[in-house]
Structures are given as C-alpha cells and as structure tokens.
C-alpha cells in the first residue's frame, strides 16, 4: 500500500525508528537555535529582487514565466525535503483586472522522470496573513530562519504535499495573496492560482503541457482561494483541464467571520480587515477614519505578523472597542458594504466536479455559509459532493478530512475516471470514520514522517 521508498542500506525498522527519534530531537534543537537568532540571512520577499516584476511584464500574457530559480524546501526551515523544487515568478491579474505578478513553488518527486506524463495539483496553503513574509514560497525554503519558523502553521500542509508527491504527481503551491498580502479579496486569488498552473505547465523541467489533468485543493483561506479559482476558471482559463476542486471549510462569506469577535479566533477579523485595507484604497481610508489609535496600531502590527502570532496576540479582542462607531454602522457604510458584498463566493458556477467539506461545529467558518454555497453551486448546475463532518471543528478537520479528500482526488485524476454526476450531501460522524480513509491516513502520515526525515517518497521513474 505505502509508496515510501525504503532505506537503501536495508536497516532494520528498529534502527529507522531510533534515527527518527534522534532527528526529531535534533530538529527541536536546531529550531530553537534558529529562533534564537534575530533575523534570517535569507531576504524577505519584499526585499528579494526575485519577486520584483520586470519593467515590461505587463505586455506578457497571463501565466508567462518571468523568472525562475531552483530552491531547497525544508520542514521548519531546517530539515530538507528530498524533492525537486523551483520558484516561478509569473505574470497574472489583480482584483482590478490589471497586470500583476505572483510566485508559485513547483515540485516534483525526487525520482520523477519529466518525460513521463503526470497530473498536476494546485495546493493552496492556508497561510492567512496580510504580511508578504508569510507566503509559502518563503516559509517553505530551507534557511528562512525565524521569519520562516513564524509561518510554522504552513508546515502542517507538508503532510498534504507528501500525500500528493507519493502518487508521483506534480504540485504547484501559489502565493495566491500576491506580493501585498491580499487574503480576503475577490477574484484575485483565483487568477493567481490559475496563472500559477499555467506557469507550471509552461516550465520545461516539470514536463507538463496544456493537456495535463489538473486538480485544485485548499482548506480555510486556501479553500477560499480554491473556490475563487474554481469559479473564475471557465471564463479566465478555459483551456485548463481541471478535473476537480476540493474545498475544505472555505471562507465563502468574509463578513461571516465577524461572529468570532471576542473569541479565541478573533484574530481572523483583524487579518481580514488588514488584508482588505491593503487591497482596496477606499476601504482603507474609511476604515482607518473610524478606528481608534489603538485600532490603527493593531492593524499595523497585523500587517507585519504571520497567523500564529496574530492568533496569540489578538485572542479574545473585542473589535467594537477599536472602532469609534458601532460595528453595524461601520458595515452599513457604502464603501465597506461594497467590498464585503464583492468577497462572497457563489457568484459564478464552477464547471468541474466539486468536493466540499465542512465541520458542522466549526467555530471559525460558520457551517451555514457553506450550506448556502453548496446549494448555490448545485442550483447553477455544478456537481457537488458536500460532506458535513459532525466530529471535527476548524482546527481538526484539516487532518480528519485529509484522507477522504485525497481519495477523492485520486478518483478524479485516475485515467478514464467516470464523471461525477449530480449533487449529494452526506452528514458523517467523521470523514475519517471509513476504512479506506483510515488506511489512507496511515499511509499519508508515514510518507510525511519519512519525507521530513529526508527519505525520497513517490515512484522512482529514473
């Protein structure tokens, strides 16, 4: 069942376990050492010339590769992953339909033969930050140091990456928030995700082409980006052969996050407001006019921090205390209302099959928002499998829903896969309460563990 490539020296399982324990301890020590340093030697994206657009980039068509470089990926910035990986700067489109640039990290298994055909999965991380220094292209690189470690939550998605690589698939991980931290905006995450796929297909070392089967996958903020990509693809990138989109607890209605005010998830409000302020100048001007000095200072801090630090420092914050007018009055302002209305998913119907999953008792993303999204997609003619998990909440569903979603992706990307027809909603105790899902989860975890320890995973094609 497992596609883990064994230890070439033929060492015993006991020896391997001992090495694993030793390396985990070493990783802890190394990570502590990294955290003790004041900064990383690697320049942040906003200070790295690789991320800067060439002077003539606007004349290129969307998806054109403007710059590329080979990079080394690592768990917690110190444990190298045994994969082949590159970064691509490409031309894309922003939320105002103007030319823009973004970066995607493209990955192949270490043993991949680029001459063989394979599917491509675009994996949208939930990096959920208004700071460019939290982008996957930065925090996944070996040697990113303390700034990279601050984006530690992104490393949890390396488990999903290991699952995809184990199948021999190619992977694209786009910085779908662009160079300015646009998390919660309309359309733009979709454009940047789709153009990241185009760039990956055009990058010769990947061995892909326009006929390559493609799938999309993302959770939470990454699910939101996946949703925008699924909705924009028929009109923006109709040539892409997208076989399916998996969306876990997508933030399909940004305004709905206001219900977390004063809770342990309160930072989501600050991150969302900071992101929208970065993207929409009028929104920023009106918002800052009605923020107290303390509120403006908090927005400024939010723009410099990744999700973990924002989550810890903004836990239980009451944002009403940071506004000079009632929240209801703030939301009723035309400049604010227009932006929130534009950020709601469901305005366009995807044409590819959809796998939507949501925790019924999710404390961050209200279940009713994705109940409504599933209904909208189905009413528009989309094929949707919607799984409502009654055991998971927002922080556990990424793990408990991973194997079932991975199995769905395998079904969609299998040669001659049957069409997914119609819509159905399944209320389950847990997405992991299935024999196939449980066995897949064990395999996924093993692949991720050995991948973190430097073992190659996936088929050896060369």
Protein backbone atom coordinates (compact mmCIF):
# COMPACT_ATOMS: atom_id res chain seq x y z
CA UNK A 1 0.00 0.00 0.00
CA UNK A 2 2.62 2.53 1.01
CA UNK A 3 4.79 4.13 -1.61
CA UNK A 4 7.55 5.02 0.82
CA UNK A 5 10.93 4.21 -0.62
CA UNK A 6 12.83 2.14 1.91
CA UNK A 7 16.21 2.72 3.42
CA UNK A 8 18.75 1.80 0.72
CA UNK A 9 21.07 0.27 3.29
CA UNK A 10 18.40 -2.19 4.37
CA UNK A 11 18.50 -1.14 8.02
CA UNK A 12 16.01 -2.59 10.45
CA UNK A 13 12.76 -0.87 11.46
CA UNK A 14 14.15 -0.50 14.99
CA UNK A 15 17.17 1.34 13.63
CA UNK A 16 14.97 3.57 11.49
CA UNK A 17 12.79 4.43 14.49
CA UNK A 18 15.88 5.27 16.53
CA UNK A 19 17.16 7.53 13.77
CA UNK A 20 13.73 9.16 13.55
CA UNK A 21 13.70 9.94 17.26
CA UNK A 22 17.23 11.30 17.11
CA UNK A 23 16.45 13.52 14.16
CA UNK A 24 13.28 14.86 15.76
CA UNK A 25 15.30 15.80 18.84
CA UNK A 26 17.93 17.38 16.59
CA UNK A 27 15.23 19.29 14.75
CA UNK A 28 13.96 20.68 18.03
CA UNK A 29 17.44 21.85 18.98
CA UNK A 30 18.06 23.33 15.55
CA UNK A 31 14.72 25.10 15.53
CA UNK A 32 15.47 26.59 18.93
CA UNK A 33 18.79 27.79 17.60
CA UNK A 34 17.11 29.35 14.59
CA UNK A 35 14.58 31.09 16.85
CA UNK A 36 17.38 32.50 18.96
CA UNK A 37 18.80 34.42 16.01
CA UNK A 38 17.32 37.88 15.45
CA UNK A 39 16.76 37.50 11.73
CA UNK A 40 17.22 35.28 8.73
CA UNK A 41 20.11 35.61 6.33
CA UNK A 42 17.64 34.98 3.51
CA UNK A 43 15.98 38.24 2.38
CA UNK A 44 12.25 38.59 2.95
CA UNK A 45 10.10 38.58 -0.20
CA UNK A 46 9.64 42.36 -0.04
CA UNK A 47 13.44 42.73 -0.09
CA UNK A 48 14.22 39.95 -2.60
CA UNK A 49 14.72 41.10 -6.20
CA UNK A 50 13.39 37.76 -7.46
CA UNK A 51 9.86 38.93 -6.54
CA UNK A 52 10.16 42.24 -8.41
CA UNK A 53 8.38 42.38 -11.79
CA UNK A 54 10.48 43.12 -14.88
CA UNK A 55 9.83 46.51 -16.45
CA UNK A 56 7.95 45.07 -19.43
CA UNK A 57 5.96 42.35 -17.62
CA UNK A 58 2.53 43.86 -18.37
CA UNK A 59 2.83 43.05 -22.07
CA UNK A 60 3.20 39.31 -21.38
CA UNK A 61 0.14 37.08 -21.39
CA UNK A 62 -1.16 35.66 -18.08
CA UNK A 63 0.82 32.63 -16.96
CA UNK A 64 4.05 33.71 -18.67
CA UNK A 65 7.14 32.82 -16.64
CA UNK A 66 9.15 35.98 -15.95
CA UNK A 67 11.86 34.47 -13.77
CA UNK A 68 12.73 31.07 -12.27
CA UNK A 69 15.15 29.57 -9.78
CA UNK A 70 15.75 26.20 -8.17
CA UNK A 71 15.18 26.17 -4.41
CA UNK A 72 15.55 23.75 -1.49
CA UNK A 73 12.47 23.13 0.65
CA UNK A 74 12.62 22.15 4.31
CA UNK A 75 10.41 21.33 7.28
CA UNK A 76 10.67 24.11 9.88
CA UNK A 77 13.33 25.63 7.57
CA UNK A 78 15.97 23.12 8.75
CA UNK A 79 15.01 19.56 7.68
CA UNK A 80 15.50 19.32 3.90
CA UNK A 81 12.81 17.66 1.80
CA UNK A 82 14.07 15.20 -0.79
CA UNK A 83 12.15 16.64 -3.74
CA UNK A 84 12.91 18.67 -6.85
CA UNK A 85 11.57 22.21 -6.48
CA UNK A 86 11.66 25.58 -8.19
CA UNK A 87 10.10 29.01 -7.80
CA UNK A 88 8.46 30.73 -10.75
CA UNK A 89 7.66 34.44 -10.96
CA UNK A 90 4.82 34.79 -13.45
CA UNK A 91 2.52 37.36 -14.95
CA UNK A 92 -1.02 37.31 -13.58
CA UNK A 93 -4.00 39.61 -12.93
CA UNK A 94 -5.07 41.53 -9.83
CA UNK A 95 -8.52 42.17 -8.35
CA UNK A 96 -8.95 45.26 -10.55
CA UNK A 97 -8.16 43.16 -13.67
CA UNK A 98 -4.80 44.89 -14.10
CA UNK A 99 -1.47 43.12 -14.83
CA UNK A 100 0.31 41.82 -11.72
CA UNK A 101 2.92 39.25 -10.72
CA UNK A 102 2.98 36.36 -8.28
CA UNK A 103 5.25 33.46 -7.33
CA UNK A 104 4.49 29.77 -7.20
CA UNK A 105 6.61 26.92 -5.84
CA UNK A 106 6.51 23.94 -8.20
CA UNK A 107 7.55 20.48 -7.04
CA UNK A 108 8.27 17.03 -8.47
CA UNK A 109 9.15 13.81 -6.63
CA UNK A 110 12.91 13.28 -6.39
CA UNK A 111 12.66 10.20 -8.61
CA UNK A 112 10.38 11.70 -11.24
CA UNK A 113 11.15 11.37 -14.94
CA UNK A 114 9.98 14.66 -16.54
CA UNK A 115 9.46 12.74 -19.77
CA UNK A 116 6.51 10.88 -18.25
CA UNK A 117 3.07 12.40 -18.08
CA UNK A 118 1.50 13.07 -14.68
CA UNK A 119 -1.31 15.12 -13.15
CA UNK A 120 -0.74 18.49 -11.51
CA UNK A 121 -2.37 19.52 -8.23
CA UNK A 122 -2.50 23.17 -7.23
CA UNK A 123 -2.34 23.16 -3.42
CA UNK A 124 -3.48 26.42 -1.81
CA UNK A 125 -1.98 26.75 1.67
CA UNK A 126 -3.96 28.41 4.47
CA UNK A 127 -1.27 30.97 5.26
CA UNK A 128 -3.96 33.53 6.18
CA UNK A 129 -1.81 36.60 6.65
CA UNK A 130 -1.65 40.15 5.37
CA UNK A 131 2.17 40.04 5.50
CA UNK A 132 4.12 39.02 2.35
CA UNK A 133 6.80 37.44 4.56
CA UNK A 134 4.34 34.65 5.43
CA UNK A 135 4.00 33.44 1.82
CA UNK A 136 4.60 29.70 1.20
CA UNK A 137 7.40 30.48 -1.25
CA UNK A 138 9.33 31.96 1.67
CA UNK A 139 8.42 29.92 4.75
CA UNK A 140 8.98 26.58 2.96
CA UNK A 141 12.56 27.36 1.96
CA UNK A 142 15.50 25.91 3.79
CA UNK A 143 17.24 28.62 5.76
CA UNK A 144 14.30 31.02 6.07
CA UNK A 145 15.18 31.31 9.76
CA UNK A 146 12.96 32.90 12.39
CA UNK A 147 10.59 34.56 9.87
CA UNK A 148 10.10 31.17 8.25
CA UNK A 149 9.50 29.47 11.59
CA UNK A 150 6.86 32.10 12.39
CA UNK A 151 4.87 30.68 9.47
CA UNK A 152 5.06 27.26 11.15
CA UNK A 153 1.36 26.52 10.53
CA UNK A 154 2.11 26.32 6.80
CA UNK A 155 4.42 23.40 7.53
CA UNK A 156 1.37 21.39 8.61
CA UNK A 157 0.32 21.33 4.97
CA UNK A 158 3.50 19.49 4.07
CA UNK A 159 1.53 16.41 5.09
CA UNK A 160 -0.82 17.03 2.17
CA UNK A 161 2.17 17.75 -0.06
CA UNK A 162 3.71 14.40 0.89
CA UNK A 163 0.46 12.66 0.01
CA UNK A 164 0.42 14.23 -3.46
CA UNK A 165 4.10 13.55 -4.10
CA UNK A 166 3.63 9.91 -3.05
CA UNK A 167 1.45 9.44 -6.13
CA UNK A 168 4.13 10.80 -8.44
CA UNK A 169 2.07 13.92 -9.13
CA UNK A 170 3.42 17.41 -9.79
CA UNK A 171 2.43 20.15 -7.35
CA UNK A 172 2.06 23.92 -7.59
CA UNK A 173 1.86 25.96 -4.35
CA UNK A 174 0.98 29.53 -5.36
CA UNK A 175 1.42 32.68 -3.31
CA UNK A 176 -2.20 33.46 -4.16
CA UNK A 177 -2.26 36.53 -1.90
CA UNK A 178 0.22 38.16 -4.27
CA UNK A 179 3.08 40.41 -3.18
CA UNK A 180 0.92 42.64 -0.95
CA UNK A 181 -0.94 40.23 1.35
CA UNK A 182 -4.38 40.22 -0.29
CA UNK A 183 -6.04 37.34 1.56
CA UNK A 184 -9.77 38.04 1.60
CA UNK A 185 -10.23 39.85 -1.71
CA UNK A 186 -12.46 38.98 -4.66
CA UNK A 187 -11.26 37.20 -7.81
CA UNK A 188 -7.52 37.82 -7.40
CA UNK A 189 -6.70 34.58 -5.50
CA UNK A 190 -8.38 32.69 -8.34
CA UNK A 191 -6.45 34.50 -11.03
CA UNK A 192 -3.14 33.92 -9.26
CA UNK A 193 -3.88 30.24 -8.64
CA UNK A 194 -4.89 29.62 -12.26
CA UNK A 195 -1.90 31.51 -13.67
CA UNK A 196 0.35 29.54 -11.32
CA UNK A 197 -0.98 26.39 -13.03
CA UNK A 198 -0.32 27.91 -16.44
CA UNK A 199 3.23 28.77 -15.41
CA UNK A 200 3.85 25.25 -14.07
CA UNK A 201 2.63 23.77 -17.35
CA UNK A 202 5.00 26.02 -19.30
CA UNK A 203 8.04 25.29 -17.13
CA UNK A 204 10.01 22.76 -19.16
CA UNK A 205 11.69 20.88 -16.25
CA UNK A 206 8.21 19.88 -14.98
CA UNK A 207 7.41 18.00 -18.20
CA UNK A 208 3.77 19.17 -18.24
CA UNK A 209 1.59 20.56 -21.02
CA UNK A 210 -1.84 22.08 -21.66
CA UNK A 211 -3.45 18.62 -21.67
CA UNK A 212 -2.16 17.82 -18.17
CA UNK A 213 -5.01 16.78 -15.84
CA UNK A 214 -5.30 19.36 -13.04
CA UNK A 215 -6.94 19.38 -9.62
CA UNK A 216 -7.31 22.14 -7.00
CA UNK A 217 -7.15 21.66 -3.23
CA UNK A 218 -7.26 24.08 -0.32
CA UNK A 219 -8.56 24.46 3.23
CA UNK A 220 -9.90 27.54 5.06
CA UNK A 221 -8.15 30.56 3.47
CA UNK A 222 -6.73 28.10 0.94
CA UNK A 223 -10.26 26.79 0.40
CA UNK A 224 -11.39 30.34 -0.33
CA UNK A 225 -8.61 30.72 -2.94
CA UNK A 226 -9.59 27.34 -4.40
CA UNK A 227 -13.20 28.49 -4.60
CA UNK A 228 -12.25 31.64 -6.49
CA UNK A 229 -10.08 29.59 -8.87
CA UNK A 230 -12.93 27.13 -9.48
CA UNK A 231 -15.37 29.97 -10.15
CA UNK A 232 -13.04 32.01 -12.39
CA UNK A 233 -11.60 29.11 -14.41
CA UNK A 234 -14.41 28.74 -17.01
CA UNK A 235 -14.06 32.37 -18.12
CA UNK A 236 -10.43 33.18 -17.24
CA UNK A 237 -8.57 29.94 -18.05
CA UNK A 238 -10.95 27.69 -20.04
CA UNK A 239 -8.05 25.85 -21.67
CA UNK A 240 -7.01 24.22 -18.38
CA UNK A 241 -8.04 20.59 -18.00
CA UNK A 242 -9.35 20.88 -14.43
CA UNK A 243 -10.77 17.55 -13.28
CA UNK A 244 -11.93 18.62 -9.81
CA UNK A 245 -11.68 21.10 -6.95
CA UNK A 246 -11.56 20.11 -3.26
CA UNK A 247 -12.55 22.90 -0.87
CA UNK A 248 -12.33 22.45 2.89
CA UNK A 249 -14.20 24.96 5.09
CA UNK A 250 -13.71 27.78 2.57
CA UNK A 251 -14.32 31.30 3.83
CA UNK A 252 -17.15 31.81 1.36
CA UNK A 253 -18.54 34.90 3.10
CA UNK A 254 -15.84 37.09 4.64
CA UNK A 255 -18.33 39.15 6.66
CA UNK A 256 -19.47 35.97 8.43
CA UNK A 257 -16.14 35.90 10.27
CA UNK A 258 -17.36 38.79 12.43
CA UNK A 259 -19.11 36.23 14.62
CA UNK A 260 -15.70 35.34 16.13
CA UNK A 261 -15.38 38.81 17.69
CA UNK A 262 -14.16 38.43 21.27
CA UNK A 263 -13.40 34.72 20.83
CA UNK A 264 -10.17 32.75 20.57
CA UNK A 265 -10.44 33.15 16.76
CA UNK A 266 -10.79 36.94 16.96
CA UNK A 267 -7.56 37.48 15.01
CA UNK A 268 -9.35 36.44 11.82
CA UNK A 269 -11.21 39.76 11.92
CA UNK A 270 -8.00 41.77 12.24
CA UNK A 271 -6.31 39.79 9.46
CA UNK A 272 -9.33 40.20 7.18
CA UNK A 273 -9.63 43.94 7.78
CA UNK A 274 -5.87 44.43 7.29
CA UNK A 275 -5.96 42.43 4.05
CA UNK A 276 -8.93 44.32 2.64
CA UNK A 277 -7.32 47.61 3.64
CA UNK A 278 -4.17 46.62 1.75
CA UNK A 279 -6.21 45.83 -1.36
CA UNK A 280 -8.94 48.47 -1.53
CA UNK A 281 -7.75 52.08 -1.01
CA UNK A 282 -11.22 53.47 -0.29
CA UNK A 283 -11.92 50.67 2.19
CA UNK A 284 -8.66 51.50 3.96
CA UNK A 285 -9.37 55.24 4.09
CA UNK A 286 -12.85 54.77 5.54
CA UNK A 287 -11.76 52.04 7.97
CA UNK A 288 -8.83 53.97 9.38
CA UNK A 289 -11.04 57.04 9.76
CA UNK A 290 -13.25 55.07 12.17
CA UNK A 291 -10.50 53.19 14.04
CA UNK A 292 -9.23 54.37 17.39
CA UNK A 293 -5.46 54.97 17.72
CA UNK A 294 -5.25 51.54 19.38
CA UNK A 295 -7.14 50.00 16.46
CA UNK A 296 -4.83 51.58 13.88
CA UNK A 297 -1.79 50.34 15.78
CA UNK A 298 -3.25 46.83 15.89
CA UNK A 299 -3.84 46.88 12.10
CA UNK A 300 -0.26 48.00 11.55
CA UNK A 301 1.06 45.13 13.72
CA UNK A 302 -1.21 42.64 11.95
CA UNK A 303 0.37 43.61 8.63
CA UNK A 304 3.80 42.52 9.87
CA UNK A 305 2.93 39.19 11.53
CA UNK A 306 2.03 35.68 10.41
CA UNK A 307 -1.08 33.85 11.56
CA UNK A 308 0.32 32.17 14.71
CA UNK A 309 1.50 35.41 16.30
CA UNK A 310 -1.66 37.27 15.29
CA UNK A 311 -3.77 34.44 16.69
CA UNK A 312 -1.96 34.57 20.04
CA UNK A 313 -1.82 38.34 20.42
CA UNK A 314 -5.39 39.04 19.24
CA UNK A 315 -7.16 36.24 21.10
CA UNK A 316 -10.43 37.48 22.69
CA UNK A 317 -10.03 41.01 21.27
CA UNK A 318 -13.30 42.96 21.07
CA UNK A 319 -13.10 44.95 17.84
CA UNK A 320 -16.03 47.13 18.83
CA UNK A 321 -13.67 48.68 21.36
CA UNK A 322 -11.32 49.60 18.49
CA UNK A 323 -13.98 51.38 16.41
CA UNK A 324 -15.37 54.86 17.04
CA UNK A 325 -18.81 53.84 15.72
CA UNK A 326 -20.95 50.71 16.26
CA UNK A 327 -19.93 47.71 14.14
CA UNK A 328 -23.37 47.66 12.48
CA UNK A 329 -22.94 51.30 11.41
CA UNK A 330 -19.44 50.54 10.11
CA UNK A 331 -20.75 47.65 7.99
CA UNK A 332 -23.52 49.84 6.60
CA UNK A 333 -21.08 52.41 5.18
CA UNK A 334 -21.32 52.17 1.34
CA UNK A 335 -17.54 51.84 0.85
CA UNK A 336 -17.42 48.96 3.33
CA UNK A 337 -20.62 47.27 2.22
CA UNK A 338 -19.47 47.21 -1.42
CA UNK A 339 -16.24 45.40 -0.59
CA UNK A 340 -17.81 42.79 1.70
CA UNK A 341 -20.51 42.04 -0.88
CA UNK A 342 -17.84 41.52 -3.56
CA UNK A 343 -15.96 38.94 -1.48
CA UNK A 344 -18.81 36.40 -1.28
CA UNK A 345 -18.27 33.16 -3.22
CA UNK A 346 -21.06 31.69 -5.31
CA UNK A 347 -21.49 34.37 -7.95
CA UNK A 348 -20.19 32.05 -10.69
CA UNK A 349 -20.79 28.33 -11.02
CA UNK A 350 -17.75 26.03 -11.43
CA UNK A 351 -17.87 23.56 -14.29
CA UNK A 352 -15.54 20.99 -12.73
CA UNK A 353 -16.71 18.50 -10.04
CA UNK A 354 -16.56 19.89 -6.51
CA UNK A 355 -15.69 18.17 -3.22
CA UNK A 356 -16.79 20.49 -0.41
CA UNK A 357 -16.27 19.57 3.24
CA UNK A 358 -17.11 21.44 6.41
CA UNK A 359 -17.20 20.90 10.15
CA UNK A 360 -20.75 21.32 11.45
CA UNK A 361 -19.43 22.77 14.71
CA UNK A 362 -16.68 24.86 13.11
CA UNK A 363 -16.01 27.81 15.46
CA UNK A 364 -14.39 29.98 12.75
CA UNK A 365 -16.21 29.36 9.46
CA UNK A 366 -19.98 29.08 10.10
CA UNK A 367 -21.48 25.93 8.61
CA UNK A 368 -24.44 27.85 7.18
CA UNK A 369 -22.15 29.75 4.80
CA UNK A 370 -21.06 26.57 3.03
CA UNK A 371 -24.51 25.01 3.26
CA UNK A 372 -25.57 28.01 1.18
CA UNK A 373 -22.57 27.72 -1.16
CA UNK A 374 -23.32 24.05 -1.89
CA UNK A 375 -26.94 24.94 -2.66
CA UNK A 376 -25.89 27.79 -4.96
CA UNK A 377 -23.45 25.64 -6.89
CA UNK A 378 -25.98 22.85 -7.28
CA UNK A 379 -28.72 25.27 -8.38
CA UNK A 380 -26.31 26.55 -11.03
CA UNK A 381 -25.75 23.04 -12.40
CA UNK A 382 -22.46 22.08 -10.74
CA UNK A 383 -21.77 18.58 -9.45
CA UNK A 384 -21.05 18.79 -5.73
CA UNK A 385 -20.29 16.18 -3.09
CA UNK A 386 -20.76 18.03 0.20
CA UNK A 387 -19.60 16.35 3.40
CA UNK A 388 -20.73 17.79 6.74
CA UNK A 389 -18.47 16.42 9.49
CA UNK A 390 -20.13 16.35 12.94
CA UNK A 391 -16.98 15.50 14.92
CA UNK A 392 -14.47 18.00 13.59
CA UNK A 393 -14.09 21.70 14.22
CA UNK A 394 -11.93 24.17 12.32
CA UNK A 395 -8.53 23.08 13.66
CA UNK A 396 -9.07 19.31 13.40
CA UNK A 397 -10.85 18.99 10.04
CA UNK A 398 -7.65 19.58 8.00
CA UNK A 399 -6.31 16.33 9.48
CA UNK A 400 -9.50 14.32 9.87
CA UNK A 401 -10.76 15.26 6.41
CA UNK A 402 -7.47 14.87 4.57
CA UNK A 403 -7.53 11.17 3.66
CA UNK A 404 -11.11 11.19 2.37
CA UNK A 405 -10.33 14.25 0.25
CA UNK A 406 -7.10 12.70 -1.00
CA UNK A 407 -9.01 9.58 -2.06
CA UNK A 408 -11.49 11.79 -3.91
CA UNK A 409 -8.63 13.49 -5.74
CA UNK A 410 -7.19 10.12 -6.72
CA UNK A 411 -10.56 9.18 -8.14
CA UNK A 412 -10.82 12.39 -10.14
CA UNK A 413 -7.25 12.16 -11.52
CA UNK A 414 -7.36 8.45 -12.37
CA UNK A 415 -7.16 7.69 -16.11
CA UNK A 416 -10.63 7.43 -17.65
CA UNK A 417 -12.28 8.42 -14.35
CA UNK A 418 -16.08 8.33 -14.53
CA UNK A 419 -17.88 11.64 -14.40
CA UNK A 420 -19.16 12.87 -11.07
CA UNK A 421 -22.84 13.49 -11.70
CA UNK A 422 -25.37 15.44 -9.66
CA UNK A 423 -25.21 16.71 -6.10
CA UNK A 424 -25.36 14.98 -2.76
CA UNK A 425 -24.91 15.99 0.85
CA UNK A 426 -23.50 13.48 3.31
CA UNK A 427 -23.76 14.01 7.06
CA UNK A 428 -20.99 11.94 8.63
CA UNK A 429 -19.78 11.48 12.18
CA UNK A 430 -16.22 11.90 10.90
CA UNK A 431 -14.66 11.88 7.45
CA UNK A 432 -12.03 9.57 8.94
CA UNK A 433 -14.63 7.02 10.08
CA UNK A 434 -14.17 4.96 6.94
CA UNK A 435 -11.82 2.02 6.40
CA UNK A 436 -10.39 3.37 3.14
CA UNK A 437 -9.87 6.82 4.64
CA UNK A 438 -8.25 5.40 7.77
CA UNK A 439 -5.81 3.27 5.77
CA UNK A 440 -5.00 6.23 3.52
CA UNK A 441 -4.38 8.42 6.56
CA UNK A 442 -1.88 5.93 7.97
CA UNK A 443 -0.07 5.88 4.63
CA UNK A 444 -0.14 9.68 4.37
CA UNK A 445 1.31 10.08 7.86
CA UNK A 446 4.08 7.58 7.17
CA UNK A 447 5.01 9.30 3.93
CA UNK A 448 5.04 12.70 5.65
CA UNK A 449 7.19 11.43 8.51
CA UNK A 450 9.78 9.81 6.28
CA UNK A 451 9.69 12.80 3.93
CA UNK A 452 10.50 15.10 6.85
CA UNK A 453 13.47 12.86 7.66
CA UNK A 454 14.90 13.27 4.17
CA UNK A 455 13.76 10.00 2.60
CA UNK A 456 12.53 10.24 -1.00
CA UNK A 457 8.85 9.38 -1.43
CA UNK A 458 6.93 8.63 -4.57
CA UNK A 459 7.78 6.37 -7.52
CA UNK A 460 11.33 6.04 -8.80
CA UNK A 461 10.97 6.66 -12.52
CA UNK A 462 14.64 7.17 -13.38
